[in-house]
Amino acid sequence: MNIYVGNFSYDITGDDLQAAFGAFGHVKTVKVIRDKYTGESKGFGFVDMPNKTEAQAAMLGITEIKGRRITINEARPEARNNFWPAKQGSSRRSNTHRRERRY
């Protein structure tokens, strides 16, 4: 089960998450999301626990890490990032519709 962990302190490391969730069972992977330019934590991450019962126990049992109250939910599947809408005809005007300036 993939678990979203949010609102934690920026100094939390993967080892801190591993220790907190490891107390409830086997932790497969831990990922702290970092800014791609600065490398600093964004204050959220993901923990993957293969045993659903252990994962649910951790979700109910952990309320704070290093004195800060955290948010824990089952992670949703990653949404596709479609910047451009599907083409249903040209939404942009072609150059023939623009008037040329005449001086």
N, C-alpha and C. Protein backbone atom coordinates (compact mmCIF):
# COMPACT_ATOMS: atom_id res chain seq x y z
N MET A 1 0.85 -1.17 0.00
CA MET A 1 0.00 0.00 0.00
C MET A 1 0.89 1.23 0.00
N ASN A 2 0.62 2.15 -0.91
CA ASN A 2 1.38 3.38 -1.00
C ASN A 2 0.70 4.45 -0.15
N ILE A 3 1.47 5.08 0.74
CA ILE A 3 0.92 6.03 1.71
C ILE A 3 1.51 7.41 1.46
N TYR A 4 0.64 8.42 1.39
CA TYR A 4 1.07 9.81 1.29
C TYR A 4 1.27 10.33 2.71
N VAL A 5 2.41 10.99 2.93
CA VAL A 5 2.71 11.59 4.22
C VAL A 5 3.02 13.06 3.96
N GLY A 6 2.24 13.94 4.54
CA GLY A 6 2.43 15.35 4.26
C GLY A 6 2.50 16.19 5.51
N ASN A 7 2.83 17.46 5.29
CA ASN A 7 2.90 18.47 6.35
C ASN A 7 4.00 18.17 7.36
N PHE A 8 5.05 17.48 6.92
CA PHE A 8 6.13 17.27 7.88
C PHE A 8 7.21 18.33 7.72
N SER A 9 8.04 18.41 8.73
CA SER A 9 9.11 19.40 8.76
C SER A 9 10.08 19.18 7.61
N TYR A 10 10.66 20.27 7.11
CA TYR A 10 11.58 20.18 5.99
C TYR A 10 12.88 19.45 6.33
N ASP A 11 13.17 19.28 7.61
CA ASP A 11 14.40 18.57 7.98
C ASP A 11 14.18 17.07 8.18
N ILE A 12 12.97 16.58 7.94
CA ILE A 12 12.68 15.14 8.03
C ILE A 12 13.38 14.43 6.87
N THR A 13 14.03 13.32 7.17
CA THR A 13 14.72 12.54 6.14
C THR A 13 13.97 11.23 5.90
N GLY A 14 14.41 10.52 4.88
CA GLY A 14 13.84 9.22 4.59
C GLY A 14 14.04 8.25 5.75
N ASP A 15 15.17 8.39 6.44
CA ASP A 15 15.44 7.52 7.59
C ASP A 15 14.45 7.77 8.72
N ASP A 16 14.04 9.03 8.90
CA ASP A 16 13.04 9.35 9.93
C ASP A 16 11.70 8.69 9.61
N LEU A 17 11.30 8.78 8.34
CA LEU A 17 10.05 8.13 7.93
C LEU A 17 10.15 6.62 8.05
N GLN A 18 11.30 6.08 7.66
CA GLN A 18 11.54 4.63 7.76
C GLN A 18 11.39 4.17 9.20
N ALA A 19 11.96 4.92 10.14
CA ALA A 19 11.89 4.54 11.55
C ALA A 19 10.46 4.62 12.08
N ALA A 20 9.74 5.69 11.72
CA ALA A 20 8.37 5.87 12.22
C ALA A 20 7.44 4.78 11.70
N PHE A 21 7.50 4.50 10.39
CA PHE A 21 6.61 3.50 9.81
C PHE A 21 7.12 2.08 10.04
N GLY A 22 8.42 1.93 10.19
CA GLY A 22 9.00 0.62 10.44
C GLY A 22 8.57 0.02 11.76
N ALA A 23 8.15 0.85 12.70
CA ALA A 23 7.66 0.36 13.98
C ALA A 23 6.35 -0.43 13.82
N PHE A 24 5.67 -0.25 12.68
CA PHE A 24 4.39 -0.92 12.45
C PHE A 24 4.50 -2.10 11.49
N GLY A 25 5.67 -2.29 10.87
CA GLY A 25 5.84 -3.41 9.96
C GLY A 25 6.90 -3.13 8.91
N HIS A 26 6.92 -3.98 7.90
CA HIS A 26 7.93 -3.89 6.85
C HIS A 26 7.65 -2.70 5.93
N VAL A 27 8.69 -1.89 5.69
CA VAL A 27 8.60 -0.74 4.79
C VAL A 27 9.42 -1.08 3.55
N LYS A 28 8.77 -1.08 2.40
CA LYS A 28 9.44 -1.41 1.15
C LYS A 28 10.27 -0.24 0.64
N THR A 29 9.66 0.93 0.49
CA THR A 29 10.39 2.12 0.03
C THR A 29 9.89 3.37 0.74
N VAL A 30 10.77 4.35 0.81
CA VAL A 30 10.45 5.66 1.37
C VAL A 30 10.98 6.70 0.40
N LYS A 31 10.16 7.71 0.10
CA LYS A 31 10.62 8.76 -0.80
C LYS A 31 10.17 10.12 -0.27
N VAL A 32 11.14 10.98 0.02
CA VAL A 32 10.86 12.36 0.41
C VAL A 32 10.96 13.18 -0.87
N ILE A 33 9.91 13.91 -1.20
CA ILE A 33 9.89 14.70 -2.43
C ILE A 33 10.70 15.98 -2.22
N ARG A 34 11.60 16.23 -3.17
CA ARG A 34 12.50 17.38 -3.07
C ARG A 34 12.34 18.30 -4.27
N ASP A 35 12.62 19.57 -4.05
CA ASP A 35 12.61 20.55 -5.12
C ASP A 35 13.72 20.22 -6.10
N LYS A 36 13.42 20.23 -7.39
CA LYS A 36 14.42 19.79 -8.36
C LYS A 36 15.54 20.80 -8.56
N TYR A 37 15.34 22.04 -8.15
CA TYR A 37 16.38 23.05 -8.33
C TYR A 37 17.23 23.22 -7.07
N THR A 38 16.60 23.27 -5.91
CA THR A 38 17.34 23.51 -4.68
C THR A 38 17.71 22.24 -3.94
N GLY A 39 16.97 21.16 -4.18
CA GLY A 39 17.23 19.91 -3.48
C GLY A 39 16.63 19.86 -2.09
N GLU A 40 15.93 20.90 -1.69
CA GLU A 40 15.31 20.93 -0.36
C GLU A 40 13.98 20.17 -0.36
N SER A 41 13.66 19.62 0.78
CA SER A 41 12.41 18.88 0.93
C SER A 41 11.23 19.81 0.70
N LYS A 42 10.16 19.25 0.11
CA LYS A 42 8.93 20.01 -0.09
C LYS A 42 7.93 19.78 1.04
N GLY A 43 8.30 18.96 2.02
CA GLY A 43 7.43 18.75 3.18
C GLY A 43 6.43 17.63 3.01
N PHE A 44 6.62 16.79 1.99
CA PHE A 44 5.76 15.62 1.85
C PHE A 44 6.55 14.50 1.18
N GLY A 45 5.98 13.30 1.28
CA GLY A 45 6.65 12.15 0.69
C GLY A 45 5.72 10.95 0.64
N PHE A 46 6.30 9.79 0.30
CA PHE A 46 5.52 8.58 0.15
C PHE A 46 6.24 7.42 0.82
N VAL A 47 5.45 6.57 1.45
CA VAL A 47 5.96 5.36 2.09
C VAL A 47 5.19 4.19 1.49
N ASP A 48 5.91 3.17 1.05
CA ASP A 48 5.27 1.99 0.48
C ASP A 48 5.44 0.82 1.45
N MET A 49 4.31 0.29 1.91
CA MET A 49 4.30 -0.87 2.80
C MET A 49 3.52 -1.98 2.12
N PRO A 50 4.16 -3.14 1.88
CA PRO A 50 3.49 -4.21 1.14
C PRO A 50 2.29 -4.83 1.87
N ASN A 51 2.33 -4.87 3.19
CA ASN A 51 1.24 -5.48 3.96
C ASN A 51 0.20 -4.40 4.28
N LYS A 52 -1.00 -4.56 3.75
CA LYS A 52 -2.06 -3.56 3.91
C LYS A 52 -2.48 -3.39 5.37
N THR A 53 -2.51 -4.47 6.12
CA THR A 53 -2.90 -4.40 7.53
C THR A 53 -1.89 -3.57 8.32
N GLU A 54 -0.61 -3.79 8.08
CA GLU A 54 0.44 -3.01 8.75
C GLU A 54 0.36 -1.55 8.34
N ALA A 55 0.09 -1.31 7.06
CA ALA A 55 0.01 0.06 6.56
C ALA A 55 -1.16 0.81 7.21
N GLN A 56 -2.29 0.15 7.33
CA GLN A 56 -3.45 0.79 7.96
C GLN A 56 -3.20 1.04 9.45
N ALA A 57 -2.50 0.13 10.10
CA ALA A 57 -2.14 0.34 11.51
C ALA A 57 -1.23 1.55 11.66
N ALA A 58 -0.27 1.70 10.74
CA ALA A 58 0.63 2.85 10.77
C ALA A 58 -0.14 4.14 10.51
N MET A 59 -1.08 4.11 9.57
CA MET A 59 -1.87 5.30 9.26
C MET A 59 -2.69 5.76 10.46
N LEU A 60 -3.17 4.82 11.25
CA LEU A 60 -3.94 5.18 12.44
C LEU A 60 -3.05 5.51 13.63
N GLY A 61 -1.88 4.88 13.70
CA GLY A 61 -1.02 5.02 14.86
C GLY A 61 -0.09 6.21 14.85
N ILE A 62 0.28 6.70 13.69
CA ILE A 62 1.23 7.81 13.61
C ILE A 62 0.45 9.11 13.43
N THR A 63 0.63 10.03 14.36
CA THR A 63 -0.02 11.34 14.26
C THR A 63 0.99 12.46 14.13
N GLU A 64 2.21 12.23 14.60
CA GLU A 64 3.23 13.26 14.49
C GLU A 64 4.62 12.64 14.38
N ILE A 65 5.51 13.37 13.73
CA ILE A 65 6.90 12.96 13.62
C ILE A 65 7.75 14.15 14.03
N LYS A 66 8.65 13.92 14.96
CA LYS A 66 9.53 14.96 15.51
C LYS A 66 8.74 16.15 16.02
N GLY A 67 7.63 15.85 16.71
CA GLY A 67 6.84 16.90 17.34
C GLY A 67 5.93 17.70 16.42
N ARG A 68 5.87 17.33 15.16
CA ARG A 68 5.00 18.06 14.22
C ARG A 68 3.88 17.15 13.74
N ARG A 69 2.65 17.64 13.83
CA ARG A 69 1.48 16.88 13.39
C ARG A 69 1.54 16.71 11.87
N ILE A 70 1.33 15.48 11.40
CA ILE A 70 1.43 15.20 9.97
C ILE A 70 0.10 14.72 9.42
N THR A 71 0.01 14.74 8.11
CA THR A 71 -1.16 14.25 7.39
C THR A 71 -0.79 12.92 6.75
N ILE A 72 -1.63 11.92 6.92
CA ILE A 72 -1.39 10.60 6.33
C ILE A 72 -2.65 10.14 5.62
N ASN A 73 -2.51 9.76 4.35
CA ASN A 73 -3.62 9.23 3.56
C ASN A 73 -3.09 8.14 2.64
N GLU A 74 -4.00 7.32 2.14
CA GLU A 74 -3.61 6.39 1.09
C GLU A 74 -3.34 7.22 -0.16
N ALA A 75 -2.20 6.97 -0.78
CA ALA A 75 -1.81 7.75 -1.96
C ALA A 75 -2.72 7.43 -3.13
N ARG A 76 -3.05 8.48 -3.88
CA ARG A 76 -3.85 8.31 -5.10
C ARG A 76 -2.91 8.04 -6.26
N PRO A 77 -3.39 7.37 -7.29
CA PRO A 77 -2.55 7.14 -8.46
C PRO A 77 -2.13 8.47 -9.07
N GLU A 78 -0.94 8.49 -9.63
CA GLU A 78 -0.42 9.71 -10.24
C GLU A 78 -1.26 10.10 -11.44
N ALA A 79 -1.67 11.34 -11.47
CA ALA A 79 -2.47 11.84 -12.58
C ALA A 79 -1.56 12.20 -13.74
N ARG A 80 -2.05 11.98 -14.94
CA ARG A 80 -1.26 12.39 -16.10
C ARG A 80 -1.29 13.90 -16.19
N ASN A 81 -0.19 14.46 -16.59
CA ASN A 81 -0.07 15.90 -16.67
C ASN A 81 -0.26 16.34 -18.12
N ASN A 82 -1.50 16.46 -18.54
CA ASN A 82 -1.80 16.89 -19.91
C ASN A 82 -1.91 18.40 -19.94
N PHE A 83 -0.87 19.04 -20.43
CA PHE A 83 -0.88 20.49 -20.51
C PHE A 83 -1.82 20.99 -21.58
N TRP A 84 -1.83 20.33 -22.71
CA TRP A 84 -2.60 20.81 -23.84
C TRP A 84 -3.90 20.03 -23.97
N PRO A 85 -5.00 20.72 -24.21
CA PRO A 85 -6.27 20.01 -24.39
C PRO A 85 -6.25 19.19 -25.68
N ALA A 86 -7.08 18.19 -25.72
CA ALA A 86 -7.16 17.36 -26.92
C ALA A 86 -7.61 18.21 -28.10
N LYS A 87 -7.05 17.94 -29.25
CA LYS A 87 -7.41 18.73 -30.44
C LYS A 87 -8.78 18.29 -30.95
N GLN A 88 -9.66 19.24 -31.03
CA GLN A 88 -10.98 19.01 -31.58
C GLN A 88 -11.21 20.04 -32.67
N GLY A 89 -10.23 20.20 -33.48
CA GLY A 89 -10.23 21.29 -34.44
C GLY A 89 -9.24 22.32 -33.95
N SER A 90 -8.95 23.25 -34.75
CA SER A 90 -7.94 24.22 -34.39
C SER A 90 -8.52 25.27 -33.46
N SER A 91 -7.96 25.37 -32.27
CA SER A 91 -8.42 26.39 -31.35
C SER A 91 -7.65 27.68 -31.55
N ARG A 92 -6.55 27.61 -32.29
CA ARG A 92 -5.77 28.80 -32.58
C ARG A 92 -6.15 29.32 -33.97
N ARG A 93 -6.15 30.58 -34.07
CA ARG A 93 -6.46 31.16 -35.37
C ARG A 93 -5.25 31.06 -36.27
N SER A 94 -5.50 30.79 -37.49
CA SER A 94 -4.39 30.73 -38.43
C SER A 94 -4.00 32.15 -38.82
N ASN A 95 -2.87 32.29 -39.45
CA ASN A 95 -2.38 33.60 -39.84
C ASN A 95 -3.29 34.31 -40.82
N THR A 96 -4.14 33.60 -41.52
CA THR A 96 -5.01 34.24 -42.51
C THR A 96 -6.08 35.09 -41.83
N HIS A 97 -6.35 34.85 -40.57
CA HIS A 97 -7.36 35.62 -39.87
C HIS A 97 -6.81 36.90 -39.27
N ARG A 98 -5.51 36.99 -39.20
CA ARG A 98 -4.90 38.18 -38.63
C ARG A 98 -4.75 39.24 -39.71
N ARG A 99 -5.00 40.44 -39.33
CA ARG A 99 -4.82 41.54 -40.28
C ARG A 99 -3.39 42.02 -40.23
N GLU A 100 -2.86 42.27 -41.34
CA GLU A 100 -1.51 42.81 -41.40
C GLU A 100 -1.57 44.31 -41.21
N ARG A 101 -0.58 44.83 -40.55
CA ARG A 101 -0.51 46.27 -40.36
C ARG A 101 0.03 46.92 -41.63
N ARG A 102 -0.61 47.97 -41.99
CA ARG A 102 -0.15 48.72 -43.16
C ARG A 102 0.20 50.13 -42.71
N TYR A 103 1.34 50.56 -43.09
CA TYR A 103 1.80 51.88 -42.69
C TYR A 103 1.83 52.83 -43.83
